[in-house]
Amino acid sequence: MKTILIADDEEDLRLLVQVTLEDPSYRILTAIDGCAAVDAVCTHIPDLLILDWMMPGLNGCEVVRKLRLHSDTARIPIVMLTAKDGLDARKQIASLDLAGYLVKPFSPLELIQKVREVLA
């Protein structure tokens, strides 16, 4: 069973992602912000982290940087969800060593495909 952690400060989006990915082969965990995401990753070491960019406390980019500093969390695949889609955002995303990113609003089918690709 693969563990997926969904970190987003918007409850509706967390629920949407969770329902979209419901599958008996996935264990879904959630975090309400960046700080909670770091805590959950350190406790559960997920197979995939789906991470919102804009959150209070630690934003998604800060979470990625923090996780990449530690050997036990540095290799966790991360898919970023973001409403940002400009050139600056793409440059910043490219520097983070992500497994991928999806621009909001995204297609549930696109999310499923990306998760399957990353976990394969």
PDB file of N, CA and C in Angstrom:
ATOM      1  N   MET A   1       0.846  -1.179   0.000  1.00  0.00           N
ATOM      2  CA  MET A   1       0.000   0.000   0.000  1.00  0.00           C
ATOM      3  C   MET A   1       0.890   1.241   0.000  1.00  0.00           C
ATOM      4  N   LYS A   2       0.599   2.169  -0.888  1.00  0.00           N
ATOM      5  CA  LYS A   2       1.345   3.421  -1.003  1.00  0.00           C
ATOM      6  C   LYS A   2       0.680   4.505  -0.152  1.00  0.00           C
ATOM      7  N   THR A   3       1.490   5.289   0.535  1.00  0.00           N
ATOM      8  CA  THR A   3       0.986   6.388   1.350  1.00  0.00           C
ATOM      9  C   THR A   3       1.148   7.703   0.600  1.00  0.00           C
ATOM     10  N   ILE A   4       0.047   8.440   0.502  1.00  0.00           N
ATOM     11  CA  ILE A   4       0.042   9.747  -0.140  1.00  0.00           C
ATOM     12  C   ILE A   4      -0.374  10.782   0.897  1.00  0.00           C
ATOM     13  N   LEU A   5       0.435  11.822   1.048  1.00  0.00           N
ATOM     14  CA  LEU A   5       0.105  12.936   1.937  1.00  0.00           C
ATOM     15  C   LEU A   5      -0.349  14.117   1.090  1.00  0.00           C
ATOM     16  N   ILE A   6      -1.520  14.650   1.407  1.00  0.00           N
ATOM     17  CA  ILE A   6      -2.071  15.816   0.729  1.00  0.00           C
ATOM     18  C   ILE A   6      -1.981  16.992   1.695  1.00  0.00           C
ATOM     19  N   ALA A   7      -1.268  18.036   1.306  1.00  0.00           N
ATOM     20  CA  ALA A   7      -1.117  19.220   2.163  1.00  0.00           C
ATOM     21  C   ALA A   7      -1.673  20.435   1.438  1.00  0.00           C
ATOM     22  N   ASP A   8      -2.753  20.965   1.973  1.00  0.00           N
ATOM     23  CA  ASP A   8      -3.388  22.154   1.401  1.00  0.00           C
ATOM     24  C   ASP A   8      -4.184  22.824   2.502  1.00  0.00           C
ATOM     25  N   ASP A   9      -4.132  24.151   2.567  1.00  0.00           N
ATOM     26  CA  ASP A   9      -4.862  24.869   3.605  1.00  0.00           C
ATOM     27  C   ASP A   9      -6.345  25.007   3.280  1.00  0.00           C
ATOM     28  N   GLU A  10      -6.742  24.705   2.062  1.00  0.00           N
ATOM     29  CA  GLU A  10      -8.155  24.766   1.688  1.00  0.00           C
ATOM     30  C   GLU A  10      -8.792  23.389   1.847  1.00  0.00           C
ATOM     31  N   GLU A  11      -9.713  23.305   2.791  1.00  0.00           N
ATOM     32  CA  GLU A  11     -10.345  22.019   3.093  1.00  0.00           C
ATOM     33  C   GLU A  11     -11.032  21.412   1.878  1.00  0.00           C
ATOM     34  N   ASP A  12     -11.718  22.241   1.081  1.00  0.00           N
ATOM     35  CA  ASP A  12     -12.416  21.727  -0.103  1.00  0.00           C
ATOM     36  C   ASP A  12     -11.452  21.093  -1.089  1.00  0.00           C
ATOM     37  N   LEU A  13     -10.294  21.692  -1.273  1.00  0.00           N
ATOM     38  CA  LEU A  13      -9.321  21.135  -2.211  1.00  0.00           C
ATOM     39  C   LEU A  13      -8.708  19.851  -1.664  1.00  0.00           C
ATOM     40  N   ARG A  14      -8.409  19.824  -0.365  1.00  0.00           N
ATOM     41  CA  ARG A  14      -7.901  18.577   0.242  1.00  0.00           C
ATOM     42  C   ARG A  14      -8.889  17.448   0.012  1.00  0.00           C
ATOM     43  N   LEU A  15     -10.169  17.744   0.244  1.00  0.00           N
ATOM     44  CA  LEU A  15     -11.210  16.727   0.074  1.00  0.00           C
ATOM     45  C   LEU A  15     -11.326  16.302  -1.385  1.00  0.00           C
ATOM     46  N   LEU A  16     -11.281  17.253  -2.307  1.00  0.00           N
ATOM     47  CA  LEU A  16     -11.345  16.930  -3.736  1.00  0.00           C
ATOM     48  C   LEU A  16     -10.208  15.993  -4.138  1.00  0.00           C
ATOM     49  N   VAL A  17      -8.996  16.316  -3.734  1.00  0.00           N
ATOM     50  CA  VAL A  17      -7.838  15.482  -4.067  1.00  0.00           C
ATOM     51  C   VAL A  17      -7.984  14.107  -3.416  1.00  0.00           C
ATOM     52  N   GLN A  18      -8.413  14.086  -2.165  1.00  0.00           N
ATOM     53  CA  GLN A  18      -8.581  12.828  -1.440  1.00  0.00           C
ATOM     54  C   GLN A  18      -9.617  11.932  -2.128  1.00  0.00           C
ATOM     55  N   VAL A  19     -10.756  12.492  -2.471  1.00  0.00           N
ATOM     56  CA  VAL A  19     -11.814  11.713  -3.128  1.00  0.00           C
ATOM     57  C   VAL A  19     -11.356  11.257  -4.513  1.00  0.00           C
ATOM     58  N   THR A  20     -10.663  12.127  -5.226  1.00  0.00           N
ATOM     59  CA  THR A  20     -10.160  11.782  -6.558  1.00  0.00           C
ATOM     60  C   THR A  20      -9.211  10.591  -6.499  1.00  0.00           C
ATOM     61  N   LEU A  21      -8.421  10.515  -5.458  1.00  0.00           N
ATOM     62  CA  LEU A  21      -7.401   9.473  -5.361  1.00  0.00           C
ATOM     63  C   LEU A  21      -7.838   8.252  -4.556  1.00  0.00           C
ATOM     64  N   GLU A  22      -9.086   8.228  -4.109  1.00  0.00           N
ATOM     65  CA  GLU A  22      -9.554   7.077  -3.328  1.00  0.00           C
ATOM     66  C   GLU A  22      -9.336   5.800  -4.106  1.00  0.00           C
ATOM     67  N   ASP A  23      -8.583   4.908  -3.480  1.00  0.00           N
ATOM     68  CA  ASP A  23      -8.232   3.640  -4.106  1.00  0.00           C
ATOM     69  C   ASP A  23      -7.761   2.724  -2.973  1.00  0.00           C
ATOM     70  N   PRO A  24      -8.132   1.459  -2.995  1.00  0.00           N
ATOM     71  CA  PRO A  24      -7.709   0.560  -1.910  1.00  0.00           C
ATOM     72  C   PRO A  24      -6.187   0.395  -1.805  1.00  0.00           C
ATOM     73  N   SER A  25      -5.474   0.730  -2.863  1.00  0.00           N
ATOM     74  CA  SER A  25      -4.018   0.587  -2.815  1.00  0.00           C
ATOM     75  C   SER A  25      -3.308   1.837  -2.286  1.00  0.00           C
ATOM     76  N   TYR A  26      -4.071   2.876  -1.936  1.00  0.00           N
ATOM     77  CA  TYR A  26      -3.500   4.102  -1.383  1.00  0.00           C
ATOM     78  C   TYR A  26      -3.986   4.338   0.038  1.00  0.00           C
ATOM     79  N   ARG A  27      -3.076   4.745   0.875  1.00  0.00           N
ATOM     80  CA  ARG A  27      -3.407   5.249   2.213  1.00  0.00           C
ATOM     81  C   ARG A  27      -3.252   6.761   2.115  1.00  0.00           C
ATOM     82  N   ILE A  28      -4.328   7.487   2.324  1.00  0.00           N
ATOM     83  CA  ILE A  28      -4.323   8.942   2.165  1.00  0.00           C
ATOM     84  C   ILE A  28      -4.254   9.614   3.539  1.00  0.00           C
ATOM     85  N   LEU A  29      -3.279  10.508   3.689  1.00  0.00           N
ATOM     86  CA  LEU A  29      -3.149  11.338   4.881  1.00  0.00           C
ATOM     87  C   LEU A  29      -3.291  12.787   4.443  1.00  0.00           C
ATOM     88  N   THR A  30      -3.698  13.657   5.358  1.00  0.00           N
ATOM     89  CA  THR A  30      -3.845  15.067   5.012  1.00  0.00           C
ATOM     90  C   THR A  30      -3.157  15.950   6.050  1.00  0.00           C
ATOM     91  N   ALA A  31      -2.785  17.141   5.583  1.00  0.00           N
ATOM     92  CA  ALA A  31      -2.195  18.161   6.451  1.00  0.00           C
ATOM     93  C   ALA A  31      -2.816  19.500   6.072  1.00  0.00           C
ATOM     94  N   ILE A  32      -3.063  20.341   7.078  1.00  0.00           N
ATOM     95  CA  ILE A  32      -3.797  21.589   6.844  1.00  0.00           C
ATOM     96  C   ILE A  32      -2.912  22.779   6.481  1.00  0.00           C
ATOM     97  N   ASP A  33      -1.593  22.625   6.578  1.00  0.00           N
ATOM     98  CA  ASP A  33      -0.678  23.708   6.203  1.00  0.00           C
ATOM     99  C   ASP A  33       0.734  23.151   6.081  1.00  0.00           C
ATOM    100  N   GLY A  34       1.680  24.035   5.767  1.00  0.00           N
ATOM    101  CA  GLY A  34       3.050  23.601   5.555  1.00  0.00           C
ATOM    102  C   GLY A  34       3.717  23.010   6.783  1.00  0.00           C
ATOM    103  N   CYS A  35       3.490  23.608   7.941  1.00  0.00           N
ATOM    104  CA  CYS A  35       4.082  23.082   9.181  1.00  0.00           C
ATOM    105  C   CYS A  35       3.550  21.686   9.492  1.00  0.00           C
ATOM    106  N   ALA A  36       2.246  21.514   9.340  1.00  0.00           N
ATOM    107  CA  ALA A  36       1.637  20.202   9.571  1.00  0.00           C
ATOM    108  C   ALA A  36       2.146  19.187   8.548  1.00  0.00           C
ATOM    109  N   ALA A  37       2.419  19.642   7.320  1.00  0.00           N
ATOM    110  CA  ALA A  37       2.952  18.745   6.289  1.00  0.00           C
ATOM    111  C   ALA A  37       4.336  18.233   6.677  1.00  0.00           C
ATOM    112  N   VAL A  38       5.201  19.124   7.142  1.00  0.00           N
ATOM    113  CA  VAL A  38       6.552  18.714   7.558  1.00  0.00           C
ATOM    114  C   VAL A  38       6.457  17.717   8.708  1.00  0.00           C
ATOM    115  N   ASP A  39       5.615  18.001   9.686  1.00  0.00           N
ATOM    116  CA  ASP A  39       5.434  17.080  10.814  1.00  0.00           C
ATOM    117  C   ASP A  39       4.940  15.717  10.342  1.00  0.00           C
ATOM    118  N   ALA A  40       3.947  15.710   9.448  1.00  0.00           N
ATOM    119  CA  ALA A  40       3.378  14.451   8.955  1.00  0.00           C
ATOM    120  C   ALA A  40       4.404  13.663   8.145  1.00  0.00           C
ATOM    121  N   VAL A  41       5.192  14.349   7.327  1.00  0.00           N
ATOM    122  CA  VAL A  41       6.216  13.671   6.535  1.00  0.00           C
ATOM    123  C   VAL A  41       7.237  13.014   7.450  1.00  0.00           C
ATOM    124  N   CYS A  42       7.651  13.711   8.475  1.00  0.00           N
ATOM    125  CA  CYS A  42       8.652  13.167   9.400  1.00  0.00           C
ATOM    126  C   CYS A  42       8.103  11.990  10.199  1.00  0.00           C
ATOM    127  N   THR A  43       6.801  11.970  10.417  1.00  0.00           N
ATOM    128  CA  THR A  43       6.174  10.883  11.176  1.00  0.00           C
ATOM    129  C   THR A  43       5.864   9.675  10.301  1.00  0.00           C
ATOM    130  N   HIS A  44       5.396   9.914   9.078  1.00  0.00           N
ATOM    131  CA  HIS A  44       4.876   8.820   8.247  1.00  0.00           C
ATOM    132  C   HIS A  44       5.696   8.509   7.001  1.00  0.00           C
ATOM    133  N   ILE A  45       6.624   9.340   6.584  1.00  0.00           N
ATOM    134  CA  ILE A  45       7.421   9.181   5.354  1.00  0.00           C
ATOM    135  C   ILE A  45       6.548   8.652   4.207  1.00  0.00           C
ATOM    136  N   PRO A  46       5.786   9.530   3.570  1.00  0.00           N
ATOM    137  CA  PRO A  46       4.890   9.096   2.492  1.00  0.00           C
ATOM    138  C   PRO A  46       5.654   8.697   1.224  1.00  0.00           C
ATOM    139  N   ASP A  47       4.975   7.968   0.370  1.00  0.00           N
ATOM    140  CA  ASP A  47       5.535   7.608  -0.927  1.00  0.00           C
ATOM    141  C   ASP A  47       5.378   8.764  -1.915  1.00  0.00           C
ATOM    142  N   LEU A  48       4.461   9.674  -1.610  1.00  0.00           N
ATOM    143  CA  LEU A  48       4.208  10.838  -2.450  1.00  0.00           C
ATOM    144  C   LEU A  48       3.617  11.942  -1.586  1.00  0.00           C
ATOM    145  N   LEU A  49       4.067  13.167  -1.836  1.00  0.00           N
ATOM    146  CA  LEU A  49       3.512  14.346  -1.186  1.00  0.00           C
ATOM    147  C   LEU A  49       2.883  15.223  -2.258  1.00  0.00           C
ATOM    148  N   ILE A  50       1.593  15.507  -2.107  1.00  0.00           N
ATOM    149  CA  ILE A  50       0.900  16.445  -2.978  1.00  0.00           C
ATOM    150  C   ILE A  50       0.750  17.723  -2.169  1.00  0.00           C
ATOM    151  N   LEU A  51       1.362  18.796  -2.653  1.00  0.00           N
ATOM    152  CA  LEU A  51       1.614  19.973  -1.834  1.00  0.00           C
ATOM    153  C   LEU A  51       1.132  21.246  -2.513  1.00  0.00           C
ATOM    154  N   ASP A  52       0.315  21.998  -1.813  1.00  0.00           N
ATOM    155  CA  ASP A  52      -0.108  23.310  -2.303  1.00  0.00           C
ATOM    156  C   ASP A  52       1.054  24.290  -2.164  1.00  0.00           C
ATOM    157  N   TRP A  53       1.158  25.219  -3.084  1.00  0.00           N
ATOM    158  CA  TRP A  53       2.218  26.214  -3.021  1.00  0.00           C
ATOM    159  C   TRP A  53       1.899  27.289  -1.992  1.00  0.00           C
ATOM    160  N   MET A  54       0.721  27.881  -2.082  1.00  0.00           N
ATOM    161  CA  MET A  54       0.403  29.033  -1.239  1.00  0.00           C
ATOM    162  C   MET A  54      -0.381  28.593  -0.002  1.00  0.00           C
ATOM    163  N   MET A  55       0.341  28.533   1.122  1.00  0.00           N
ATOM    164  CA  MET A  55      -0.254  28.163   2.409  1.00  0.00           C
ATOM    165  C   MET A  55       0.314  29.077   3.480  1.00  0.00           C
ATOM    166  N   PRO A  56      -0.427  29.248   4.569  1.00  0.00           N
ATOM    167  CA  PRO A  56       0.103  30.051   5.683  1.00  0.00           C
ATOM    168  C   PRO A  56       1.227  29.308   6.403  1.00  0.00           C
ATOM    169  N   GLY A  57       1.999  30.035   7.163  1.00  0.00           N
ATOM    170  CA  GLY A  57       3.125  29.413   7.866  1.00  0.00           C
ATOM    171  C   GLY A  57       4.220  29.145   6.856  1.00  0.00           C
ATOM    172  N   LEU A  58       4.497  27.887   6.606  1.00  0.00           N
ATOM    173  CA  LEU A  58       5.443  27.505   5.562  1.00  0.00           C
ATOM    174  C   LEU A  58       4.684  27.314   4.256  1.00  0.00           C
ATOM    175  N   ASN A  59       5.125  27.994   3.195  1.00  0.00           N
ATOM    176  CA  ASN A  59       4.482  27.751   1.906  1.00  0.00           C
ATOM    177  C   ASN A  59       5.083  26.486   1.287  1.00  0.00           C
ATOM    178  N   GLY A  60       4.525  26.056   0.179  1.00  0.00           N
ATOM    179  CA  GLY A  60       4.965  24.803  -0.438  1.00  0.00           C
ATOM    180  C   GLY A  60       6.440  24.789  -0.798  1.00  0.00           C
ATOM    181  N   CYS A  61       6.962  25.894  -1.318  1.00  0.00           N
ATOM    182  CA  CYS A  61       8.382  25.957  -1.674  1.00  0.00           C
ATOM    183  C   CYS A  61       9.263  25.803  -0.441  1.00  0.00           C
ATOM    184  N   GLU A  62       8.861  26.434   0.644  1.00  0.00           N
ATOM    185  CA  GLU A  62       9.630  26.317   1.893  1.00  0.00           C
ATOM    186  C   GLU A  62       9.581  24.889   2.434  1.00  0.00           C
ATOM    187  N   VAL A  63       8.443  24.238   2.306  1.00  0.00           N
ATOM    188  CA  VAL A  63       8.326  22.841   2.736  1.00  0.00           C
ATOM    189  C   VAL A  63       9.285  21.972   1.933  1.00  0.00           C
ATOM    190  N   VAL A  64       9.293  22.147   0.617  1.00  0.00           N
ATOM    191  CA  VAL A  64      10.183  21.357  -0.242  1.00  0.00           C
ATOM    192  C   VAL A  64      11.636  21.564   0.186  1.00  0.00           C
ATOM    193  N   ARG A  65      12.034  22.799   0.333  1.00  0.00           N
ATOM    194  CA  ARG A  65      13.431  23.082   0.707  1.00  0.00           C
ATOM    195  C   ARG A  65      13.786  22.443   2.047  1.00  0.00           C
ATOM    196  N   LYS A  66      12.881  22.520   2.994  1.00  0.00           N
ATOM    197  CA  LYS A  66      13.111  21.939   4.326  1.00  0.00           C
ATOM    198  C   LYS A  66      13.260  20.411   4.231  1.00  0.00           C
ATOM    199  N   LEU A  67      12.386  19.775   3.456  1.00  0.00           N
ATOM    200  CA  LEU A  67      12.443  18.321   3.324  1.00  0.00           C
ATOM    201  C   LEU A  67      13.690  17.858   2.587  1.00  0.00           C
ATOM    202  N   ARG A  68      14.149  18.638   1.629  1.00  0.00           N
ATOM    203  CA  ARG A  68      15.324  18.250   0.836  1.00  0.00           C
ATOM    204  C   ARG A  68      16.624  18.325   1.640  1.00  0.00           C
ATOM    205  N   LEU A  69      16.597  18.968   2.798  1.00  0.00           N
ATOM    206  CA  LEU A  69      17.795  19.090   3.632  1.00  0.00           C
ATOM    207  C   LEU A  69      18.129  17.824   4.411  1.00  0.00           C
ATOM    208  N   HIS A  70      17.167  16.920   4.567  1.00  0.00           N
ATOM    209  CA  HIS A  70      17.355  15.739   5.406  1.00  0.00           C
ATOM    210  C   HIS A  70      17.358  14.474   4.557  1.00  0.00           C
ATOM    211  N   SER A  71      18.315  13.611   4.811  1.00  0.00           N
ATOM    212  CA  SER A  71      18.485  12.419   3.973  1.00  0.00           C
ATOM    213  C   SER A  71      17.253  11.506   3.971  1.00  0.00           C
ATOM    214  N   ASP A  72      16.538  11.421   5.080  1.00  0.00           N
ATOM    215  CA  ASP A  72      15.382  10.523   5.127  1.00  0.00           C
ATOM    216  C   ASP A  72      14.140  11.084   4.422  1.00  0.00           C
ATOM    217  N   THR A  73      14.128  12.383   4.108  1.00  0.00           N
ATOM    218  CA  THR A  73      12.980  12.970   3.408  1.00  0.00           C
ATOM    219  C   THR A  73      13.367  13.591   2.057  1.00  0.00           C
ATOM    220  N   ALA A  74      14.641  13.594   1.737  1.00  0.00           N
ATOM    221  CA  ALA A  74      15.128  14.283   0.535  1.00  0.00           C
ATOM    222  C   ALA A  74      14.625  13.666  -0.764  1.00  0.00           C
ATOM    223  N   ARG A  75      14.346  12.382  -0.785  1.00  0.00           N
ATOM    224  CA  ARG A  75      13.977  11.698  -2.028  1.00  0.00           C
ATOM    225  C   ARG A  75      12.473  11.490  -2.194  1.00  0.00           C
ATOM    226  N   ILE A  76      11.661  12.016  -1.289  1.00  0.00           N
ATOM    227  CA  ILE A  76      10.216  11.852  -1.406  1.00  0.00           C
ATOM    228  C   ILE A  76       9.737  12.603  -2.651  1.00  0.00           C
ATOM    229  N   PRO A  77       9.019  11.911  -3.549  1.00  0.00           N
ATOM    230  CA  PRO A  77       8.478  12.611  -4.712  1.00  0.00           C
ATOM    231  C   PRO A  77       7.400  13.612  -4.281  1.00  0.00           C
ATOM    232  N   ILE A  78       7.465  14.793  -4.865  1.00  0.00           N
ATOM    233  CA  ILE A  78       6.516  15.853  -4.518  1.00  0.00           C
ATOM    234  C   ILE A  78       5.875  16.386  -5.799  1.00  0.00           C
ATOM    235  N   VAL A  79       4.552  16.469  -5.770  1.00  0.00           N
ATOM    236  CA  VAL A  79       3.793  17.108  -6.839  1.00  0.00           C
ATOM    237  C   VAL A  79       3.200  18.382  -6.251  1.00  0.00           C
ATOM    238  N   MET A  80       3.518  19.510  -6.860  1.00  0.00           N
ATOM    239  CA  MET A  80       3.050  20.802  -6.371  1.00  0.00           C
ATOM    240  C   MET A  80       1.752  21.180  -7.073  1.00  0.00           C
ATOM    241  N   LEU A  81       0.802  21.685  -6.300  1.00  0.00           N
ATOM    242  CA  LEU A  81      -0.427  22.253  -6.841  1.00  0.00           C
ATOM    243  C   LEU A  81      -0.309  23.764  -6.706  1.00  0.00           C
ATOM    244  N   THR A  82      -0.615  24.484  -7.759  1.00  0.00           N
ATOM    245  CA  THR A  82      -0.452  25.929  -7.702  1.00  0.00           C
ATOM    246  C   THR A  82      -1.420  26.657  -8.621  1.00  0.00           C
ATOM    247  N   ALA A  83      -1.771  27.840  -8.219  1.00  0.00           N
ATOM    248  CA  ALA A  83      -2.557  28.722  -9.076  1.00  0.00           C
ATOM    249  C   ALA A  83      -1.623  29.603  -9.903  1.00  0.00           C
ATOM    250  N   LYS A  84      -0.328  29.581  -9.575  1.00  0.00           N
ATOM    251  CA  LYS A  84       0.667  30.396 -10.281  1.00  0.00           C
ATOM    252  C   LYS A  84       1.100  29.668 -11.550  1.00  0.00           C
ATOM    253  N   ASP A  85       1.136  30.409 -12.652  1.00  0.00           N
ATOM    254  CA  ASP A  85       1.509  29.768 -13.908  1.00  0.00           C
ATOM    255  C   ASP A  85       2.374  30.659 -14.787  1.00  0.00           C
ATOM    256  N   GLY A  86       2.952  31.697 -14.232  1.00  0.00           N
ATOM    257  CA  GLY A  86       3.790  32.593 -15.025  1.00  0.00           C
ATOM    258  C   GLY A  86       5.206  32.080 -15.157  1.00  0.00           C
ATOM    259  N   LEU A  87       6.022  32.799 -15.897  1.00  0.00           N
ATOM    260  CA  LEU A  87       7.409  32.419 -16.133  1.00  0.00           C
ATOM    261  C   LEU A  87       8.206  32.345 -14.830  1.00  0.00           C
ATOM    262  N   ASP A  88       8.019  33.317 -13.937  1.00  0.00           N
ATOM    263  CA  ASP A  88       8.729  33.298 -12.652  1.00  0.00           C
ATOM    264  C   ASP A  88       8.357  32.068 -11.836  1.00  0.00           C
ATOM    265  N   ALA A  89       7.082  31.725 -11.827  1.00  0.00           N
ATOM    266  CA  ALA A  89       6.628  30.547 -11.088  1.00  0.00           C
ATOM    267  C   ALA A  89       7.250  29.285 -11.673  1.00  0.00           C
ATOM    268  N   ARG A  90       7.287  29.190 -12.986  1.00  0.00           N
ATOM    269  CA  ARG A  90       7.870  28.005 -13.635  1.00  0.00           C
ATOM    270  C   ARG A  90       9.361  27.882 -13.321  1.00  0.00           C
ATOM    271  N   LYS A  91      10.073  29.001 -13.278  1.00  0.00           N
ATOM    272  CA  LYS A  91      11.497  28.977 -12.922  1.00  0.00           C
ATOM    273  C   LYS A  91      11.678  28.497 -11.491  1.00  0.00           C
ATOM    274  N   GLN A  92      10.848  29.008 -10.596  1.00  0.00           N
ATOM    275  CA  GLN A  92      10.945  28.619  -9.197  1.00  0.00           C
ATOM    276  C   GLN A  92      10.638  27.135  -9.036  1.00  0.00           C
ATOM    277  N   ILE A  93       9.618  26.659  -9.714  1.00  0.00           N
ATOM    278  CA  ILE A  93       9.254  25.244  -9.659  1.00  0.00           C
ATOM    279  C   ILE A  93      10.381  24.375 -10.206  1.00  0.00           C
ATOM    280  N   ALA A  94      10.985  24.809 -11.300  1.00  0.00           N
ATOM    281  CA  ALA A  94      12.069  24.037 -11.915  1.00  0.00           C
ATOM    282  C   ALA A  94      13.259  23.878 -10.972  1.00  0.00           C
ATOM    283  N   SER A  95      13.454  24.831 -10.080  1.00  0.00           N
ATOM    284  CA  SER A  95      14.591  24.775  -9.159  1.00  0.00           C
ATOM    285  C   SER A  95      14.348  23.868  -7.954  1.00  0.00           C
ATOM    286  N   LEU A  96      13.148  23.326  -7.820  1.00  0.00           N
ATOM    287  CA  LEU A  96      12.791  22.584  -6.605  1.00  0.00           C
ATOM    288  C   LEU A  96      12.935  21.069  -6.700  1.00  0.00           C
ATOM    289  N   ASP A  97      13.296  20.528  -7.839  1.00  0.00           N
ATOM    290  CA  ASP A  97      13.429  19.082  -7.999  1.00  0.00           C
ATOM    291  C   ASP A  97      12.127  18.358  -7.642  1.00  0.00           C
ATOM    292  N   LEU A  98      11.058  18.749  -8.317  1.00  0.00           N
ATOM    293  CA  LEU A  98       9.745  18.153  -8.078  1.00  0.00           C
ATOM    294  C   LEU A  98       9.483  17.006  -9.045  1.00  0.00           C
ATOM    295  N   ALA A  99       8.585  16.122  -8.655  1.00  0.00           N
ATOM    296  CA  ALA A  99       8.138  15.055  -9.550  1.00  0.00           C
ATOM    297  C   ALA A  99       7.159  15.611 -10.573  1.00  0.00           C
ATOM    298  N   GLY A 100       6.600  16.780 -10.291  1.00  0.00           N
ATOM    299  CA  GLY A 100       5.679  17.419 -11.220  1.00  0.00           C
ATOM    300  C   GLY A 100       4.905  18.512 -10.525  1.00  0.00           C
ATOM    301  N   TYR A 101       4.097  19.208 -11.324  1.00  0.00           N
ATOM    302  CA  TYR A 101       3.215  20.215 -10.759  1.00  0.00           C
ATOM    303  C   TYR A 101       1.971  20.308 -11.625  1.00  0.00           C
ATOM    304  N   LEU A 102       0.888  20.702 -10.987  1.00  0.00           N
ATOM    305  CA  LEU A 102      -0.383  20.886 -11.674  1.00  0.00           C
ATOM    306  C   LEU A 102      -0.883  22.285 -11.360  1.00  0.00           C
ATOM    307  N   VAL A 103      -1.366  22.966 -12.397  1.00  0.00           N
ATOM    308  CA  VAL A 103      -1.886  24.316 -12.231  1.00  0.00           C
ATOM    309  C   VAL A 103      -3.383  24.238 -11.955  1.00  0.00           C
ATOM    310  N   LYS A 104      -3.803  24.936 -10.903  1.00  0.00           N
ATOM    311  CA  LYS A 104      -5.228  24.992 -10.546  1.00  0.00           C
ATOM    312  C   LYS A 104      -5.957  25.922 -11.494  1.00  0.00           C
ATOM    313  N   PRO A 105      -7.150  25.633 -11.897  1.00  0.00           N
ATOM    314  CA  PRO A 105      -7.856  24.384 -11.635  1.00  0.00           C
ATOM    315  C   PRO A 105      -7.302  23.278 -12.526  1.00  0.00           C
ATOM    316  N   PHE A 106      -7.171  22.106 -11.967  1.00  0.00           N
ATOM    317  CA  PHE A 106      -6.615  20.973 -12.705  1.00  0.00           C
ATOM    318  C   PHE A 106      -7.705  19.924 -12.905  1.00  0.00           C
ATOM    319  N   SER A 107      -7.480  19.082 -13.862  1.00  0.00           N
ATOM    320  CA  SER A 107      -8.405  17.997 -14.159  1.00  0.00           C
ATOM    321  C   SER A 107      -8.158  16.847 -13.183  1.00  0.00           C
ATOM    322  N   PRO A 108      -9.205  16.271 -12.582  1.00  0.00           N
ATOM    323  CA  PRO A 108      -9.008  15.095 -11.738  1.00  0.00           C
ATOM    324  C   PRO A 108      -8.300  13.956 -12.480  1.00  0.00           C
ATOM    325  N   LEU A 109      -8.590  13.795 -13.760  1.00  0.00           N
ATOM    326  CA  LEU A 109      -7.917  12.758 -14.544  1.00  0.00           C
ATOM    327  C   LEU A 109      -6.428  13.045 -14.680  1.00  0.00           C
ATOM    328  N   GLU A 110      -6.082  14.314 -14.818  1.00  0.00           N
ATOM    329  CA  GLU A 110      -4.678  14.717 -14.891  1.00  0.00           C
ATOM    330  C   GLU A 110      -3.971  14.390 -13.566  1.00  0.00           C
ATOM    331  N   LEU A 111      -4.644  14.631 -12.464  1.00  0.00           N
ATOM    332  CA  LEU A 111      -4.085  14.318 -11.148  1.00  0.00           C
ATOM    333  C   LEU A 111      -3.864  12.816 -11.005  1.00  0.00           C
ATOM    334  N   ILE A 112      -4.858  12.020 -11.355  1.00  0.00           N
ATOM    335  CA  ILE A 112      -4.732  10.557 -11.261  1.00  0.00           C
ATOM    336  C   ILE A 112      -3.565  10.074 -12.118  1.00  0.00           C
ATOM    337  N   GLN A 113      -3.472  10.582 -13.334  1.00  0.00           N
ATOM    338  CA  GLN A 113      -2.397  10.178 -14.237  1.00  0.00           C
ATOM    339  C   GLN A 113      -1.034  10.536 -13.646  1.00  0.00           C
ATOM    340  N   LYS A 114      -0.884  11.742 -13.097  1.00  0.00           N
ATOM    341  CA  LYS A 114       0.388  12.159 -12.525  1.00  0.00           C
ATOM    342  C   LYS A 114       0.765  11.304 -11.319  1.00  0.00           C
ATOM    343  N   VAL A 115      -0.212  10.995 -10.473  1.00  0.00           N
ATOM    344  CA  VAL A 115       0.056  10.165  -9.292  1.00  0.00           C
ATOM    345  C   VAL A 115       0.484   8.768  -9.713  1.00  0.00           C
ATOM    346  N   ARG A 116      -0.199   8.181 -10.655  1.00  0.00           N
ATOM    347  CA  ARG A 116       0.164   6.844 -11.143  1.00  0.00           C
ATOM    348  C   ARG A 116       1.571   6.843 -11.750  1.00  0.00           C
ATOM    349  N   GLU A 117       1.867   7.893 -12.502  1.00  0.00           N
ATOM    350  CA  GLU A 117       3.188   8.025 -13.127  1.00  0.00           C
ATOM    351  C   GLU A 117       4.282   8.099 -12.061  1.00  0.00           C
ATOM    352  N   VAL A 118       4.068   8.903 -11.049  1.00  0.00           N
ATOM    353  CA  VAL A 118       5.083   9.091 -10.003  1.00  0.00           C
ATOM    354  C   VAL A 118       5.251   7.828  -9.161  1.00  0.00           C
ATOM    355  N   LEU A 119       4.157   7.149  -8.862  1.00  0.00           N
ATOM    356  CA  LEU A 119       4.231   5.972  -7.993  1.00  0.00           C
ATOM    357  C   LEU A 119       4.601   4.686  -8.727  1.00  0.00           C
ATOM    358  N   ALA A 120       4.645   4.732 -10.055  1.00  0.00           N
ATOM    359  CA  ALA A 120       4.962   3.520 -10.837  1.00  0.00           C
ATOM    360  C   ALA A 120       6.397   3.074 -10.632  1.00  0.00           C
TER     361      ALA A 120
END
